[in-house]
């Protein structure tokens, strides 16, 4: 099988694209490269872009409720779980009660309710 496609971006439905673009800029050190009311973009370190598109009546997922499935989630490596979690919470994330692997990763939700994980980077 030949590789003809190169992964470049993820598009995420949300109620307020500029809010999510700024949130992901803040937690990753990325850069907001496009921002309007209905659409925004953040380029992450490493070059992948997160696009945010406004959806009327956006219904956020509810972790881990299957009636409101997460549909996808993003994972981010961090060197210190506690520090990264505290910083993300200051930036507007929330922390669901259910945490299946709190010593190795933390499940948080962005300001629009999308789950994402902060994963402890292995040092050895």
Protein backbone atom coordinates (compact mmCIF):
# COMPACT_ATOMS: atom_id res chain seq x y z
CA UNK A 1 0.00 0.00 0.00
CA UNK A 2 1.44 3.35 -0.97
CA UNK A 3 1.12 6.33 1.34
CA UNK A 4 -0.47 9.10 -0.70
CA UNK A 5 -2.05 11.08 2.14
CA UNK A 6 -0.34 13.28 4.68
CA UNK A 7 -2.16 14.08 7.93
CA UNK A 8 -2.35 17.85 8.42
CA UNK A 9 -5.34 18.79 10.56
CA UNK A 10 -8.33 17.95 12.71
CA UNK A 11 -11.61 19.87 12.39
CA UNK A 12 -13.65 20.22 15.57
CA UNK A 13 -17.28 21.33 15.86
CA UNK A 14 -17.93 23.81 18.67
CA UNK A 15 -20.09 26.76 19.71
CA UNK A 16 -17.29 29.40 19.82
CA UNK A 17 -14.30 28.77 17.54
CA UNK A 18 -12.13 31.68 18.79
CA UNK A 19 -12.48 30.44 22.38
CA UNK A 20 -11.24 26.95 21.50
CA UNK A 21 -8.46 28.26 19.28
CA UNK A 22 -7.14 30.35 22.18
CA UNK A 23 -7.57 27.48 24.65
CA UNK A 24 -5.51 25.04 22.56
CA UNK A 25 -2.93 27.75 21.84
CA UNK A 26 -2.54 28.27 25.58
CA UNK A 27 -2.21 24.61 26.58
CA UNK A 28 0.15 23.65 23.74
CA UNK A 29 2.20 26.77 23.06
CA UNK A 30 0.81 26.81 19.52
CA UNK A 31 -0.26 29.80 17.46
CA UNK A 32 -3.72 31.01 16.45
CA UNK A 33 -3.38 31.57 12.71
CA UNK A 34 -6.96 32.34 11.76
CA UNK A 35 -9.86 33.67 13.78
CA UNK A 36 -13.40 34.65 12.88
CA UNK A 37 -16.71 34.12 14.66
CA UNK A 38 -17.54 30.99 12.66
CA UNK A 39 -14.09 29.49 12.12
CA UNK A 40 -10.65 29.55 13.74
CA UNK A 41 -7.35 27.68 13.53
CA UNK A 42 -4.46 26.90 15.84
CA UNK A 43 -1.19 25.46 14.54
CA UNK A 44 0.35 23.19 17.15
CA UNK A 45 4.08 22.79 17.72
CA UNK A 46 5.08 20.20 15.14
CA UNK A 47 2.82 21.64 12.45
CA UNK A 48 -0.55 19.90 12.86
CA UNK A 49 -3.47 22.33 12.72
CA UNK A 50 -6.63 22.23 14.79
CA UNK A 51 -9.55 23.88 13.00
CA UNK A 52 -12.65 24.91 14.90
CA UNK A 53 -15.97 25.38 13.13
CA UNK A 54 -19.09 26.89 14.64
CA UNK A 55 -22.08 24.57 14.83
CA UNK A 56 -25.50 25.85 15.85
CA UNK A 57 -26.93 24.00 18.84
CA UNK A 58 -23.65 22.22 19.54
CA UNK A 59 -24.22 19.39 22.03
CA UNK A 60 -21.04 18.61 23.94
CA UNK A 61 -20.05 15.03 24.72
CA UNK A 62 -20.38 13.84 28.31
CA UNK A 63 -17.43 11.72 29.47
CA UNK A 64 -17.90 8.74 29.86
CA UNK A 65 -21.65 8.76 29.04
CA UNK A 66 -22.39 6.68 25.92
CA UNK A 67 -25.66 8.59 25.38
CA UNK A 68 -23.52 11.66 24.60
CA UNK A 69 -20.41 10.01 23.11
CA UNK A 70 -17.07 11.75 22.88
CA UNK A 71 -16.73 10.86 19.16
CA UNK A 72 -13.00 11.62 19.32
CA UNK A 73 -10.45 12.95 21.76
CA UNK A 74 -7.00 14.48 21.54
CA UNK A 75 -3.97 13.27 23.50
CA UNK A 76 -1.06 15.48 24.56
CA UNK A 77 2.24 14.44 26.15
CA UNK A 78 3.28 16.36 29.26
CA UNK A 79 6.26 16.05 31.60
CA UNK A 80 4.31 16.79 34.81
CA UNK A 81 0.67 15.71 35.05
CA UNK A 82 -0.21 17.83 38.08
CA UNK A 83 1.34 21.00 36.65
CA UNK A 84 -0.20 20.49 33.19
CA UNK A 85 -3.61 19.75 34.69
CA UNK A 86 -3.53 22.85 36.88
CA UNK A 87 -2.52 25.00 33.91
CA UNK A 88 -5.26 23.57 31.67
CA UNK A 89 -7.87 24.12 34.39
CA UNK A 90 -6.73 27.76 34.71
CA UNK A 91 -7.13 28.10 30.93
CA UNK A 92 -10.76 26.94 31.08
CA UNK A 93 -10.67 23.14 31.04
CA UNK A 94 -12.87 21.11 33.34
CA UNK A 95 -12.10 17.76 34.98
CA UNK A 96 -14.68 14.97 34.81
CA UNK A 97 -15.04 12.82 37.93
CA UNK A 98 -14.26 9.58 36.09
CA UNK A 99 -10.48 9.20 35.76
CA UNK A 100 -9.51 5.70 34.55
CA UNK A 101 -5.71 6.13 34.70
CA UNK A 102 -4.85 9.15 36.86
CA UNK A 103 -1.22 8.13 37.40
CA UNK A 104 -0.55 7.88 33.65
CA UNK A 105 -3.04 10.32 32.12
CA UNK A 106 -5.75 12.79 33.06
CA UNK A 107 -9.00 13.19 31.19
CA UNK A 108 -10.09 16.82 30.93
CA UNK A 109 -12.66 18.62 28.80
CA UNK A 110 -12.05 21.77 26.78
CA UNK A 111 -14.35 24.80 27.14
CA UNK A 112 -16.78 23.29 24.58
CA UNK A 113 -16.89 19.95 26.43
CA UNK A 114 -14.63 17.86 24.17
CA UNK A 115 -12.58 15.35 26.19
CA UNK A 116 -8.82 15.39 25.81
CA UNK A 117 -6.05 13.61 27.69
CA UNK A 118 -2.85 14.86 29.23
CA UNK A 119 -0.52 11.84 29.04
CA UNK A 120 2.61 11.50 31.11
CA UNK A 121 5.63 11.40 28.81
CA UNK A 122 7.78 8.35 29.55
CA UNK A 123 11.34 9.36 30.32
CA UNK A 124 12.97 5.96 29.87
